[in-house]
Amino acid sequence: FRHDKTKIVIGEKTYVRGELLLFGHGGEIHIGHDCYIGAGTRIWSAARIDIGNHVLIAHNVNIHDNISHPANAALRRQHSRNIIESGHPKDGLNLNEKPVSIHDNAWIGFNATILKGVTIGEGAIIGACSVITKDVPAWTIVAGNPAKIIRELPESER
């Protein structure tokens, strides 16, 4: 993995206790201001991950904008062997990648997983241990595996 500071942008008063990881061929992570990213959180980018302002990401959250493991069993075995023998490859991965966007004022509960191509709307709340595979509308609370809408936040809570 490459850690190119020009590809990772962190806003003012943002506290990152987790890991920001870029794949060797590319990837970008942009984090707004006044955010918190908890310990044990891993944000893996091969394309682009945008995190807005005032976003709280709890501990042990995983955010991925890609799938790096092939579905074919023989290719998966070879991929695993390559990782064990020489670490993650810098090039030549057949990644299925789509950007992730987390809008302002979102709150991601601990141990949540956010997968490629997802947009989390403004003010959305993701319950602990949830798996996010589809877009989350603004000002909603979602939870579960896969996550489902629990309720919409009323105007008085926005």
C-alpha atoms as a PDB file:
ATOM      1  CA  PHE A   1       0.000   0.000   0.000  1.00  0.00           C
ATOM      2  CA  ARG A   2       1.084   3.542  -0.682  1.00  0.00           C
ATOM      3  CA  HIS A   3       0.670   6.403   1.744  1.00  0.00           C
ATOM      4  CA  ASP A   4       0.872   9.471  -0.508  1.00  0.00           C
ATOM      5  CA  LYS A   5       0.063  12.610   1.482  1.00  0.00           C
ATOM      6  CA  THR A   6      -1.249  14.346  -1.642  1.00  0.00           C
ATOM      7  CA  LYS A   7      -3.922  11.647  -1.918  1.00  0.00           C
ATOM      8  CA  ILE A   8      -5.031  11.896   1.722  1.00  0.00           C
ATOM      9  CA  VAL A   9      -6.582  15.215   2.745  1.00  0.00           C
ATOM     10  CA  ILE A  10      -7.655  15.811   6.355  1.00  0.00           C
ATOM     11  CA  GLY A  11      -9.578  18.922   7.405  1.00  0.00           C
ATOM     12  CA  GLU A  12      -8.985  21.132  10.427  1.00  0.00           C
ATOM     13  CA  LYS A  13      -9.824  19.876  13.918  1.00  0.00           C
ATOM     14  CA  THR A  14     -10.209  16.303  12.654  1.00  0.00           C
ATOM     15  CA  TYR A  15      -8.869  13.536  14.858  1.00  0.00           C
ATOM     16  CA  VAL A  16      -7.898  10.236  13.195  1.00  0.00           C
ATOM     17  CA  ARG A  17      -7.134   7.304  15.493  1.00  0.00           C
ATOM     18  CA  GLY A  18      -7.742   4.688  12.787  1.00  0.00           C
ATOM     19  CA  GLU A  19      -5.832   3.806   9.615  1.00  0.00           C
ATOM     20  CA  LEU A  20      -6.146   5.435   6.197  1.00  0.00           C
ATOM     21  CA  LEU A  21      -4.911   3.036   3.505  1.00  0.00           C
ATOM     22  CA  LEU A  22      -4.429   3.533  -0.241  1.00  0.00           C
ATOM     23  CA  PHE A  23      -3.883   0.775  -2.779  1.00  0.00           C
ATOM     24  CA  GLY A  24      -0.615   1.080  -4.722  1.00  0.00           C
ATOM     25  CA  HIS A  25      -2.186   1.994  -8.061  1.00  0.00           C
ATOM     26  CA  GLY A  26      -4.309   4.807  -6.671  1.00  0.00           C
ATOM     27  CA  GLY A  27      -7.032   5.807  -4.297  1.00  0.00           C
ATOM     28  CA  GLU A  28      -7.884   9.011  -2.474  1.00  0.00           C
ATOM     29  CA  ILE A  29      -9.324   9.797   0.946  1.00  0.00           C
ATOM     30  CA  HIS A  30     -10.736  13.252   1.681  1.00  0.00           C
ATOM     31  CA  ILE A  31     -11.978  14.005   5.201  1.00  0.00           C
ATOM     32  CA  GLY A  32     -13.661  17.270   6.167  1.00  0.00           C
ATOM     33  CA  HIS A  33     -13.220  19.342   9.311  1.00  0.00           C
ATOM     34  CA  ASP A  34     -14.368  18.594  12.870  1.00  0.00           C
ATOM     35  CA  CYS A  35     -14.485  14.825  12.325  1.00  0.00           C
ATOM     36  CA  TYR A  36     -13.512  11.926  14.576  1.00  0.00           C
ATOM     37  CA  ILE A  37     -12.349   8.516  13.338  1.00  0.00           C
ATOM     38  CA  GLY A  38     -12.058   5.948  16.112  1.00  0.00           C
ATOM     39  CA  ALA A  39      -9.274   3.511  16.937  1.00  0.00           C
ATOM     40  CA  GLY A  40      -9.271   0.297  14.956  1.00  0.00           C
ATOM     41  CA  THR A  41     -11.145   1.885  12.061  1.00  0.00           C
ATOM     42  CA  ARG A  42      -9.730   1.123   8.630  1.00  0.00           C
ATOM     43  CA  ILE A  43     -10.556   3.138   5.552  1.00  0.00           C
ATOM     44  CA  TRP A  44      -9.305   1.379   2.385  1.00  0.00           C
ATOM     45  CA  SER A  45      -9.324   3.297  -0.893  1.00  0.00           C
ATOM     46  CA  ALA A  46      -8.602   2.179  -4.434  1.00  0.00           C
ATOM     47  CA  ALA A  47     -10.866   4.836  -5.994  1.00  0.00           C
ATOM     48  CA  ARG A  48     -12.080   7.682  -3.758  1.00  0.00           C
ATOM     49  CA  ILE A  49     -13.661   8.046  -0.334  1.00  0.00           C
ATOM     50  CA  ASP A  50     -15.132  11.417   0.653  1.00  0.00           C
ATOM     51  CA  ILE A  51     -16.113  12.124   4.257  1.00  0.00           C
ATOM     52  CA  GLY A  52     -17.890  15.410   4.970  1.00  0.00           C
ATOM     53  CA  ASN A  53     -17.695  17.765   7.937  1.00  0.00           C
ATOM     54  CA  HIS A  54     -18.766  16.963  11.511  1.00  0.00           C
ATOM     55  CA  VAL A  55     -18.754  13.202  10.869  1.00  0.00           C
ATOM     56  CA  LEU A  56     -18.305  10.791  13.770  1.00  0.00           C
ATOM     57  CA  ILE A  57     -16.938   7.342  12.905  1.00  0.00           C
ATOM     58  CA  ALA A  58     -16.748   5.087  15.958  1.00  0.00           C
ATOM     59  CA  HIS A  59     -14.171   2.392  16.705  1.00  0.00           C
ATOM     60  CA  ASN A  60     -13.473  -0.650  14.493  1.00  0.00           C
ATOM     61  CA  VAL A  61     -15.400   0.561  11.449  1.00  0.00           C
ATOM     62  CA  ASN A  62     -14.373  -0.707   7.999  1.00  0.00           C
ATOM     63  CA  ILE A  63     -14.938   1.426   4.896  1.00  0.00           C
ATOM     64  CA  HIS A  64     -13.995   0.006   1.475  1.00  0.00           C
ATOM     65  CA  ASP A  65     -14.460   1.494  -1.998  1.00  0.00           C
ATOM     66  CA  ASN A  66     -13.434  -1.782  -3.644  1.00  0.00           C
ATOM     67  CA  ILE A  67     -13.544  -5.551  -3.661  1.00  0.00           C
ATOM     68  CA  SER A  68     -10.034  -6.933  -4.068  1.00  0.00           C
ATOM     69  CA  HIS A  69     -10.645 -10.665  -3.821  1.00  0.00           C
ATOM     70  CA  PRO A  70     -11.649 -12.607  -6.936  1.00  0.00           C
ATOM     71  CA  ALA A  71     -14.745 -14.828  -6.890  1.00  0.00           C
ATOM     72  CA  ASN A  72     -12.935 -17.637  -8.758  1.00  0.00           C
ATOM     73  CA  ALA A  73     -11.562 -20.115  -6.176  1.00  0.00           C
ATOM     74  CA  ALA A  74      -8.273 -20.778  -8.014  1.00  0.00           C
ATOM     75  CA  LEU A  75      -7.602 -17.044  -8.411  1.00  0.00           C
ATOM     76  CA  ARG A  76      -8.530 -16.476  -4.749  1.00  0.00           C
ATOM     77  CA  ARG A  77      -5.990 -19.104  -3.648  1.00  0.00           C
ATOM     78  CA  GLN A  78      -3.300 -17.468  -5.800  1.00  0.00           C
ATOM     79  CA  HIS A  79      -4.223 -14.024  -4.464  1.00  0.00           C
ATOM     80  CA  SER A  80      -3.973 -15.278  -0.859  1.00  0.00           C
ATOM     81  CA  ARG A  81      -0.646 -16.961  -1.575  1.00  0.00           C
ATOM     82  CA  ASN A  82       0.718 -13.719  -3.076  1.00  0.00           C
ATOM     83  CA  ILE A  83      -0.336 -11.746   0.028  1.00  0.00           C
ATOM     84  CA  ILE A  84       1.312 -14.274   2.355  1.00  0.00           C
ATOM     85  CA  GLU A  85       4.533 -14.453   0.344  1.00  0.00           C
ATOM     86  CA  SER A  86       5.043 -10.816  -0.633  1.00  0.00           C
ATOM     87  CA  GLY A  87       2.332  -8.641   0.878  1.00  0.00           C
ATOM     88  CA  HIS A  88      -0.494  -6.931  -0.943  1.00  0.00           C
ATOM     89  CA  PRO A  89       0.438  -6.369  -4.600  1.00  0.00           C
ATOM     90  CA  LYS A  90       0.907  -2.773  -5.681  1.00  0.00           C
ATOM     91  CA  ASP A  91      -0.301  -3.343  -9.233  1.00  0.00           C
ATOM     92  CA  GLY A  92      -2.165  -5.912 -11.244  1.00  0.00           C
ATOM     93  CA  LEU A  93      -5.184  -6.229  -8.966  1.00  0.00           C
ATOM     94  CA  ASN A  94      -8.468  -6.698 -10.740  1.00  0.00           C
ATOM     95  CA  LEU A  95     -10.370  -4.437  -8.371  1.00  0.00           C
ATOM     96  CA  ASN A  96     -14.059  -3.791  -8.563  1.00  0.00           C
ATOM     97  CA  GLU A  97     -14.132  -0.229  -7.253  1.00  0.00           C
ATOM     98  CA  LYS A  98     -16.750   2.489  -6.770  1.00  0.00           C
ATOM     99  CA  PRO A  99     -16.392   5.673  -4.703  1.00  0.00           C
ATOM    100  CA  VAL A 100     -17.898   6.040  -1.222  1.00  0.00           C
ATOM    101  CA  SER A 101     -19.392   9.312   0.012  1.00  0.00           C
ATOM    102  CA  ILE A 102     -20.324  10.104   3.616  1.00  0.00           C
ATOM    103  CA  HIS A 103     -22.104  13.451   3.921  1.00  0.00           C
ATOM    104  CA  ASP A 104     -21.938  16.068   6.687  1.00  0.00           C
ATOM    105  CA  ASN A 105     -23.137  15.270  10.210  1.00  0.00           C
ATOM    106  CA  ALA A 106     -23.299  11.494   9.681  1.00  0.00           C
ATOM    107  CA  TRP A 107     -22.611   9.158  12.600  1.00  0.00           C
ATOM    108  CA  ILE A 108     -21.249   5.655  12.004  1.00  0.00           C
ATOM    109  CA  GLY A 109     -21.619   3.211  14.925  1.00  0.00           C
ATOM    110  CA  PHE A 110     -18.832   0.886  16.070  1.00  0.00           C
ATOM    111  CA  ASN A 111     -17.999  -2.246  14.044  1.00  0.00           C
ATOM    112  CA  ALA A 112     -20.051  -1.070  11.053  1.00  0.00           C
ATOM    113  CA  THR A 113     -18.933  -2.015   7.542  1.00  0.00           C
ATOM    114  CA  ILE A 114     -19.502   0.315   4.591  1.00  0.00           C
ATOM    115  CA  LEU A 115     -19.003  -1.235   1.164  1.00  0.00           C
ATOM    116  CA  LYS A 116     -18.145   0.191  -2.251  1.00  0.00           C
ATOM    117  CA  GLY A 117     -20.404   2.546  -4.139  1.00  0.00           C
ATOM    118  CA  VAL A 118     -22.413   3.672  -1.106  1.00  0.00           C
ATOM    119  CA  THR A 119     -23.550   7.218  -0.350  1.00  0.00           C
ATOM    120  CA  ILE A 120     -24.519   7.997   3.233  1.00  0.00           C
ATOM    121  CA  GLY A 121     -26.775  11.038   3.328  1.00  0.00           C
ATOM    122  CA  GLU A 122     -26.452  14.109   5.510  1.00  0.00           C
ATOM    123  CA  GLY A 123     -27.179  13.473   9.185  1.00  0.00           C
ATOM    124  CA  ALA A 124     -27.692   9.730   8.740  1.00  0.00           C
ATOM    125  CA  ILE A 125     -26.983   7.426  11.683  1.00  0.00           C
ATOM    126  CA  ILE A 126     -25.578   3.927  11.101  1.00  0.00           C
ATOM    127  CA  GLY A 127     -26.222   1.482  13.952  1.00  0.00           C
ATOM    128  CA  ALA A 128     -23.403  -0.527  15.522  1.00  0.00           C
ATOM    129  CA  CYS A 129     -22.362  -3.698  13.656  1.00  0.00           C
ATOM    130  CA  SER A 130     -24.398  -2.747  10.567  1.00  0.00           C
ATOM    131  CA  VAL A 131     -23.391  -3.687   7.022  1.00  0.00           C
ATOM    132  CA  ILE A 132     -24.099  -0.933   4.506  1.00  0.00           C
ATOM    133  CA  THR A 133     -24.494  -2.221   0.950  1.00  0.00           C
ATOM    134  CA  LYS A 134     -26.877   0.443  -0.428  1.00  0.00           C
ATOM    135  CA  ASP A 135     -27.280   4.206  -0.202  1.00  0.00           C
ATOM    136  CA  VAL A 136     -28.593   5.587   3.090  1.00  0.00           C
ATOM    137  CA  PRO A 137     -31.012   8.536   2.800  1.00  0.00           C
ATOM    138  CA  ALA A 138     -30.297  11.764   4.665  1.00  0.00           C
ATOM    139  CA  TRP A 139     -31.586  12.069   8.231  1.00  0.00           C
ATOM    140  CA  THR A 140     -32.422   8.393   8.675  1.00  0.00           C
ATOM    141  CA  ILE A 141     -31.318   5.778  11.190  1.00  0.00           C
ATOM    142  CA  VAL A 142     -30.348   2.418   9.688  1.00  0.00           C
ATOM    143  CA  ALA A 143     -29.175  -0.804  11.312  1.00  0.00           C
ATOM    144  CA  GLY A 144     -28.720  -4.495  10.596  1.00  0.00           C
ATOM    145  CA  ASN A 145     -27.065  -6.853   8.138  1.00  0.00           C
ATOM    146  CA  PRO A 146     -27.908  -5.772   5.549  1.00  0.00           C
ATOM    147  CA  ALA A 147     -28.904  -2.409   6.994  1.00  0.00           C
ATOM    148  CA  LYS A 148     -32.536  -1.364   6.833  1.00  0.00           C
ATOM    149  CA  ILE A 149     -34.172   1.956   7.666  1.00  0.00           C
ATOM    150  CA  ILE A 150     -35.320   2.031  11.299  1.00  0.00           C
ATOM    151  CA  ARG A 151     -36.804   5.520  11.213  1.00  0.00           C
ATOM    152  CA  GLU A 152     -36.449   9.006   9.815  1.00  0.00           C
ATOM    153  CA  LEU A 153     -35.175  11.748  12.108  1.00  0.00           C
ATOM    154  CA  PRO A 154     -37.792  14.473  12.663  1.00  0.00           C
ATOM    155  CA  GLU A 155     -36.962  18.107  11.933  1.00  0.00           C
ATOM    156  CA  SER A 156     -36.515  18.755  15.667  1.00  0.00           C
ATOM    157  CA  GLU A 157     -33.560  16.293  15.764  1.00  0.00           C
ATOM    158  CA  ARG A 158     -31.705  17.569  12.705  1.00  0.00           C
END
